[in-house]
């Protein structure tokens, strides 16, 4: 992973930020929460190394500490309150690494089922009234809204898949209750797998359809937006399982209350701070090359694994004020 390249103005801004008492008081911890994974020979808990090379690499950070949150995303559900289930492992990780009373704040980078597990934890926590501080969440290829693939294959016997069906994932917790924490999504549209045009919601192609989405049907008359594992209704935090062509935002100045859960938006060019998300409102990326960002639809033309790669790259190249 290349080191972050910072413009001189961002370096000066970071220096001023580091000089402030509040910045000096807090240790920045970056928690990477993985998605569905075969747990063979895996240890569970929090580690400083990526046991199964799930991620494309460790994010480059100026002064933060990277931790890999390992939960049993194969034999347990994302909302399992007993360890090594998702909710239990994440609860323990956050309590030990994200406590303001211990001089800590956390950035969360989650992928796929890891995002369902983190959102479930957050919605059910007493975040409003405890010393935990989540500065920001980057949700890559989020399965928080469930996957139509899980609907079909949950019968295979892997416990995690049963919790990733659309009905289970959407009913497991209140998706509008992010307790003031902003969740910024990376929605992928590149689907060249056997799942293309088979399982995900679709709609008729129009002049305003996302050109990166699959053209399906005998004459390509339908458009299906998914990354091979999850559709945009899940990756973008939409409030219902339906065919969507883009990501939207409920963060001011945007107000997409008809289609997107509260406190959900996209990663860049979304100006809301809401007291969260680092020390800058200038979300003017993308910051990393080759992200295949589609600005008209706020999506990325990448597959499911590419979402995790993008999140690591974007964190690593973003200005210090956004990603310390």
Protein backbone atom coordinates (compact mmCIF):
# COMPACT_ATOMS: atom_id res chain seq x y z
CA UNK A 1 0.00 0.00 0.00
CA UNK A 2 1.34 3.35 -0.98
CA UNK A 3 1.71 5.96 1.70
CA UNK A 4 -0.72 8.87 1.77
CA UNK A 5 0.27 11.74 -0.52
CA UNK A 6 -0.71 15.00 1.16
CA UNK A 7 -0.84 18.41 -0.50
CA UNK A 8 1.16 21.03 1.35
CA UNK A 9 -1.97 22.84 2.49
CA UNK A 10 -3.31 19.65 4.06
CA UNK A 11 0.01 19.10 5.83
CA UNK A 12 -0.20 22.60 7.32
CA UNK A 13 -3.81 22.01 8.33
CA UNK A 14 -2.86 18.71 9.93
CA UNK A 15 -0.05 20.41 11.86
CA UNK A 16 -2.46 22.97 13.28
CA UNK A 17 -4.91 20.21 14.11
CA UNK A 18 -2.27 18.17 15.89
CA UNK A 19 -1.40 21.22 17.95
CA UNK A 20 -4.88 21.52 19.42
CA UNK A 21 -5.44 20.03 22.89
CA UNK A 22 -8.32 17.83 21.77
CA UNK A 23 -6.32 16.30 18.92
CA UNK A 24 -3.37 15.63 21.20
CA UNK A 25 -5.62 13.98 23.76
CA UNK A 26 -7.09 11.34 21.47
CA UNK A 27 -5.50 8.23 20.00
CA UNK A 28 -6.91 7.37 16.58
CA UNK A 29 -7.77 3.67 16.26
CA UNK A 30 -8.89 2.24 12.92
CA UNK A 31 -10.99 -0.91 13.24
CA UNK A 32 -11.35 -3.12 10.15
CA UNK A 33 -14.39 -5.40 10.42
CA UNK A 34 -14.49 -8.11 7.76
CA UNK A 35 -17.47 -9.77 6.11
CA UNK A 36 -18.45 -13.37 5.41
CA UNK A 37 -15.41 -15.59 5.81
CA UNK A 38 -14.62 -19.26 6.21
CA UNK A 39 -13.28 -19.41 9.76
CA UNK A 40 -10.95 -22.39 9.31
CA UNK A 41 -7.94 -21.97 11.61
CA UNK A 42 -9.01 -18.44 12.48
CA UNK A 43 -8.57 -16.92 15.91
CA UNK A 44 -11.23 -14.50 17.03
CA UNK A 45 -10.89 -11.14 18.72
CA UNK A 46 -8.79 -8.07 17.89
CA UNK A 47 -5.41 -8.34 16.20
CA UNK A 48 -2.80 -6.06 14.66
CA UNK A 49 -2.46 -8.30 11.60
CA UNK A 50 -4.86 -9.63 8.96
CA UNK A 51 -4.96 -13.37 9.66
CA UNK A 52 -6.49 -14.54 6.38
CA UNK A 53 -5.42 -11.65 4.14
CA UNK A 54 -9.06 -10.62 3.84
CA UNK A 55 -8.21 -6.99 3.14
CA UNK A 56 -6.10 -5.68 0.27
CA UNK A 57 -3.67 -4.26 2.80
CA UNK A 58 -3.50 -2.22 5.94
CA UNK A 59 -4.61 1.41 5.50
CA UNK A 60 -1.82 3.98 5.58
CA UNK A 61 -2.37 6.31 8.51
CA UNK A 62 -0.43 9.32 9.76
CA UNK A 63 -0.77 8.68 13.48
CA UNK A 64 -3.46 6.03 13.92
CA UNK A 65 -3.33 2.42 14.99
CA UNK A 66 -4.89 -0.28 12.79
CA UNK A 67 -6.73 -3.23 14.31
CA UNK A 68 -8.40 -6.18 12.59
CA UNK A 69 -11.63 -7.29 14.25
CA UNK A 70 -11.97 -11.04 13.70
CA UNK A 71 -15.42 -12.55 14.27
CA UNK A 72 -16.84 -15.89 13.19
CA UNK A 73 -18.59 -14.78 10.02
CA UNK A 74 -19.31 -18.36 9.01
CA UNK A 75 -20.74 -20.28 11.93
CA UNK A 76 -22.34 -17.33 13.73
CA UNK A 77 -24.83 -14.62 12.83
CA UNK A 78 -23.83 -10.98 12.66
CA UNK A 79 -26.14 -10.20 15.61
CA UNK A 80 -24.97 -13.05 17.86
CA UNK A 81 -24.44 -11.66 21.36
CA UNK A 82 -22.21 -14.57 22.37
CA UNK A 83 -18.60 -14.63 21.25
CA UNK A 84 -17.27 -15.15 18.66
CA UNK A 85 -20.50 -13.85 17.10
CA UNK A 86 -20.54 -10.47 15.39
CA UNK A 87 -22.24 -8.35 18.03
CA UNK A 88 -20.18 -9.79 20.89
CA UNK A 89 -16.77 -9.42 19.22
CA UNK A 90 -17.51 -5.90 17.99
CA UNK A 91 -18.86 -4.81 21.36
CA UNK A 92 -15.66 -5.99 23.06
CA UNK A 93 -13.44 -4.36 20.42
CA UNK A 94 -15.20 -1.00 20.62
CA UNK A 95 -15.23 -0.97 24.41
CA UNK A 96 -11.49 -1.56 24.57
CA UNK A 97 -10.37 0.71 21.73
CA UNK A 98 -12.90 3.53 21.32
CA UNK A 99 -13.27 4.97 24.82
CA UNK A 100 -12.84 8.73 25.16
CA UNK A 101 -12.13 8.30 28.86
CA UNK A 102 -9.05 6.36 27.77
CA UNK A 103 -8.08 9.02 25.24
CA UNK A 104 -9.37 7.04 22.23
CA UNK A 105 -11.54 7.61 19.18
CA UNK A 106 -12.31 5.14 16.41
CA UNK A 107 -12.71 5.01 12.68
CA UNK A 108 -14.60 1.98 11.42
CA UNK A 109 -13.92 0.44 8.01
CA UNK A 110 -16.33 -2.44 7.47
CA UNK A 111 -17.03 -4.69 4.52
CA UNK A 112 -20.12 -6.68 3.55
CA UNK A 113 -21.48 -8.67 6.53
CA UNK A 114 -19.08 -6.76 8.76
CA UNK A 115 -21.17 -3.65 8.12
CA UNK A 116 -24.35 -5.48 9.11
CA UNK A 117 -22.59 -6.58 12.30
CA UNK A 118 -21.35 -3.10 13.14
CA UNK A 119 -24.62 -1.32 12.42
CA UNK A 120 -26.47 -3.92 14.49
CA UNK A 121 -24.10 -3.32 17.40
CA UNK A 122 -24.44 0.46 17.11
CA UNK A 123 -28.24 0.50 16.87
CA UNK A 124 -28.55 -1.66 19.99
CA UNK A 125 -25.83 0.03 22.04
CA UNK A 126 -26.23 2.83 24.57
CA UNK A 127 -23.97 5.04 22.46
CA UNK A 128 -25.86 8.19 23.45
CA UNK A 129 -24.91 7.80 27.07
CA UNK A 130 -21.49 6.17 27.21
CA UNK A 131 -17.89 7.35 26.60
CA UNK A 132 -17.51 5.51 23.27
CA UNK A 133 -16.64 7.78 20.33
CA UNK A 134 -16.98 6.60 16.72
CA UNK A 135 -15.55 9.41 14.59
CA UNK A 136 -16.64 7.91 11.29
CA UNK A 137 -17.80 4.79 9.47
CA UNK A 138 -16.76 3.74 5.95
CA UNK A 139 -19.15 1.00 4.82
CA UNK A 140 -17.77 -0.89 1.81
CA UNK A 141 -20.15 -3.14 -0.16
CA UNK A 142 -22.38 -3.22 2.89
CA UNK A 143 -24.67 -6.20 3.41
CA UNK A 144 -26.59 -4.35 6.13
CA UNK A 145 -29.68 -4.48 3.90
CA UNK A 146 -29.25 -8.16 3.12
CA UNK A 147 -28.43 -10.04 -0.05
CA UNK A 148 -30.67 -11.80 -2.52
CA UNK A 149 -27.87 -14.35 -2.90
CA UNK A 150 -28.33 -15.28 0.76
CA UNK A 151 -32.06 -15.62 0.12
CA UNK A 152 -31.29 -18.39 -2.36
CA UNK A 153 -28.37 -20.13 -0.69
CA UNK A 154 -29.13 -19.82 3.04
CA UNK A 155 -30.27 -23.45 2.99
CA UNK A 156 -26.67 -24.61 2.44
CA UNK A 157 -26.09 -24.59 6.16
CA UNK A 158 -23.65 -21.75 6.85
CA UNK A 159 -25.16 -19.90 9.78
CA UNK A 160 -23.96 -16.50 8.63
CA UNK A 161 -26.00 -16.75 5.41
CA UNK A 162 -29.22 -17.19 7.34
CA UNK A 163 -28.69 -13.78 8.93
CA UNK A 164 -27.88 -12.14 5.58
CA UNK A 165 -31.20 -12.79 3.89
CA UNK A 166 -32.93 -9.54 3.02
CA UNK A 167 -35.77 -10.05 5.48
CA UNK A 168 -33.51 -11.03 8.39
CA UNK A 169 -30.91 -8.32 7.87
CA UNK A 170 -33.50 -5.57 7.54
CA UNK A 171 -35.50 -6.79 10.52
CA UNK A 172 -32.62 -7.46 12.93
CA UNK A 173 -32.30 -3.86 14.16
CA UNK A 174 -33.54 -0.30 13.54
CA UNK A 175 -31.53 0.88 10.54
CA UNK A 176 -32.59 4.48 11.16
CA UNK A 177 -31.08 4.40 14.64
CA UNK A 178 -27.39 5.06 14.03
CA UNK A 179 -27.38 7.24 17.17
CA UNK A 180 -25.90 10.23 15.35
CA UNK A 181 -23.00 8.30 13.82
CA UNK A 182 -22.67 8.92 10.08
CA UNK A 183 -22.36 5.83 7.87
CA UNK A 184 -20.83 6.59 4.46
CA UNK A 185 -21.27 3.90 1.83
CA UNK A 186 -19.32 2.52 -1.12
CA UNK A 187 -21.86 1.08 -3.54
CA UNK A 188 -20.53 -1.21 -6.28
CA UNK A 189 -22.13 -1.85 -9.68
CA UNK A 190 -19.72 -4.23 -11.42
CA UNK A 191 -21.22 -7.72 -11.67
CA UNK A 192 -19.62 -10.15 -14.09
CA UNK A 193 -20.33 -13.28 -12.06
CA UNK A 194 -22.86 -16.06 -12.46
CA UNK A 195 -25.25 -13.97 -10.35
CA UNK A 196 -25.53 -11.28 -13.02
CA UNK A 197 -29.16 -10.73 -14.04
CA UNK A 198 -30.42 -13.64 -11.95
CA UNK A 199 -31.26 -12.56 -8.41
CA UNK A 200 -31.20 -8.82 -7.85
CA UNK A 201 -34.01 -6.26 -8.30
CA UNK A 202 -34.16 -4.64 -11.72
CA UNK A 203 -36.02 -1.88 -13.54
CA UNK A 204 -36.54 -0.80 -17.12
CA UNK A 205 -33.62 0.94 -18.77
CA UNK A 206 -34.19 4.65 -19.36
CA UNK A 207 -32.05 7.57 -20.45
CA UNK A 208 -31.28 8.23 -16.77
CA UNK A 209 -30.19 4.69 -15.88
CA UNK A 210 -26.74 4.09 -14.40
CA UNK A 211 -24.58 3.01 -17.36
CA UNK A 212 -22.36 0.87 -15.08
CA UNK A 213 -25.19 -1.47 -14.11
CA UNK A 214 -25.94 -4.74 -15.86
CA UNK A 215 -28.23 -4.67 -18.85
CA UNK A 216 -30.47 -7.69 -18.54
CA UNK A 217 -33.28 -9.31 -20.45
CA UNK A 218 -33.42 -10.63 -23.98
CA UNK A 219 -32.74 -7.20 -25.48
CA UNK A 220 -31.05 -5.57 -22.49
CA UNK A 221 -34.23 -3.79 -21.48
CA UNK A 222 -33.73 -4.07 -17.73
CA UNK A 223 -31.06 -2.55 -15.49
CA UNK A 224 -29.77 -4.44 -12.44
CA UNK A 225 -27.35 -2.68 -10.09
CA UNK A 226 -25.29 -5.01 -7.89
CA UNK A 227 -21.66 -5.88 -7.20
CA UNK A 228 -22.06 -9.63 -7.58
CA UNK A 229 -23.04 -10.25 -3.95
CA UNK A 230 -25.22 -7.33 -2.84
CA UNK A 231 -27.40 -4.81 -4.62
CA UNK A 232 -27.31 -1.03 -4.25
CA UNK A 233 -30.36 -1.14 -1.98
CA UNK A 234 -28.06 -2.69 0.62
CA UNK A 235 -24.67 -1.11 -0.12
CA UNK A 236 -26.14 2.40 -0.21
CA UNK A 237 -28.30 2.16 2.90
CA UNK A 238 -31.64 2.40 1.11
CA UNK A 239 -34.66 1.98 3.32
CA UNK A 240 -36.31 -0.76 1.27
CA UNK A 241 -35.31 -3.67 -0.92
CA UNK A 242 -35.97 -2.45 -4.44
CA UNK A 243 -34.15 -1.57 -7.64
CA UNK A 244 -31.96 1.52 -7.23
CA UNK A 245 -29.60 3.07 -9.75
CA UNK A 246 -27.65 5.27 -7.34
CA UNK A 247 -26.72 6.14 -3.78
CA UNK A 248 -28.49 8.96 -1.97
CA UNK A 249 -28.06 10.77 1.33
CA UNK A 250 -30.07 11.87 4.34
CA UNK A 251 -27.22 14.13 5.48
CA UNK A 252 -27.71 17.89 5.22
CA UNK A 253 -27.92 19.60 2.79
CA UNK A 254 -29.42 16.41 1.31
CA UNK A 255 -32.71 15.06 2.59
CA UNK A 256 -33.53 11.80 0.84
CA UNK A 257 -35.91 10.61 3.54
CA UNK A 258 -38.02 8.76 0.98
CA UNK A 259 -35.31 6.34 -0.09
CA UNK A 260 -32.40 6.22 2.38
CA UNK A 261 -32.05 5.42 6.06
CA UNK A 262 -31.23 8.22 8.51
CA UNK A 263 -27.53 9.07 8.99
CA UNK A 264 -26.57 7.28 5.76
CA UNK A 265 -24.83 8.88 2.79
CA UNK A 266 -22.01 8.35 0.33
CA UNK A 267 -18.29 8.66 0.92
CA UNK A 268 -17.40 11.85 -0.96
CA UNK A 269 -18.93 15.17 -2.10
CA UNK A 270 -21.39 14.99 0.76
CA UNK A 271 -20.88 18.08 2.88
CA UNK A 272 -22.56 17.18 6.17
CA UNK A 273 -20.50 17.09 9.35
CA UNK A 274 -23.20 16.46 11.96
CA UNK A 275 -20.51 16.61 14.63
CA UNK A 276 -18.90 13.48 13.23
CA UNK A 277 -16.51 12.40 10.51
CA UNK A 278 -13.21 14.00 11.39
CA UNK A 279 -12.42 17.68 11.47
CA UNK A 280 -13.39 18.82 8.00
CA UNK A 281 -16.60 19.22 6.04
CA UNK A 282 -14.78 19.25 2.71
CA UNK A 283 -15.53 15.78 1.35
CA UNK A 284 -14.18 16.52 -2.12
CA UNK A 285 -12.61 13.22 -3.22
CA UNK A 286 -12.08 10.68 -4.63
CA UNK A 287 -8.59 10.78 -3.19
CA UNK A 288 -7.17 7.55 -4.57
CA UNK A 289 -6.67 6.85 -8.29
CA UNK A 290 -8.44 3.97 -10.04
CA UNK A 291 -11.49 3.90 -7.78
CA UNK A 292 -13.86 3.95 -10.79
CA UNK A 293 -16.02 6.58 -9.10
CA UNK A 294 -19.24 7.44 -10.94
CA UNK A 295 -20.08 10.97 -9.72
CA UNK A 296 -23.46 11.16 -11.42
CA UNK A 297 -24.80 8.21 -9.44
CA UNK A 298 -22.51 8.29 -6.38
CA UNK A 299 -21.43 4.70 -7.05
CA UNK A 300 -18.23 2.82 -7.87
CA UNK A 301 -17.92 0.50 -10.85
CA UNK A 302 -16.26 -2.25 -8.81
CA UNK A 303 -17.24 -5.74 -7.72
CA UNK A 304 -17.89 -6.91 -4.17
CA UNK A 305 -14.25 -7.37 -3.20
CA UNK A 306 -13.37 -4.12 -4.94
CA UNK A 307 -15.46 -2.26 -2.39
CA UNK A 308 -13.05 -3.25 0.38
CA UNK A 309 -10.06 -2.31 -1.80
CA UNK A 310 -11.60 1.12 -2.45
CA UNK A 311 -12.24 1.78 1.22
CA UNK A 312 -8.62 1.01 2.14
CA UNK A 313 -7.32 3.13 -0.74
CA UNK A 314 -9.59 6.08 -0.02
CA UNK A 315 -8.67 6.13 3.65
CA UNK A 316 -4.99 5.93 2.82
CA UNK A 317 -5.03 8.83 0.33
CA UNK A 318 -7.54 11.13 2.05
CA UNK A 319 -6.30 14.31 3.77
CA UNK A 320 -5.34 13.93 7.39
CA UNK A 321 -8.35 15.97 8.55
CA UNK A 322 -10.66 13.31 7.11
CA UNK A 323 -8.67 10.19 7.91
CA UNK A 324 -6.00 10.63 10.58
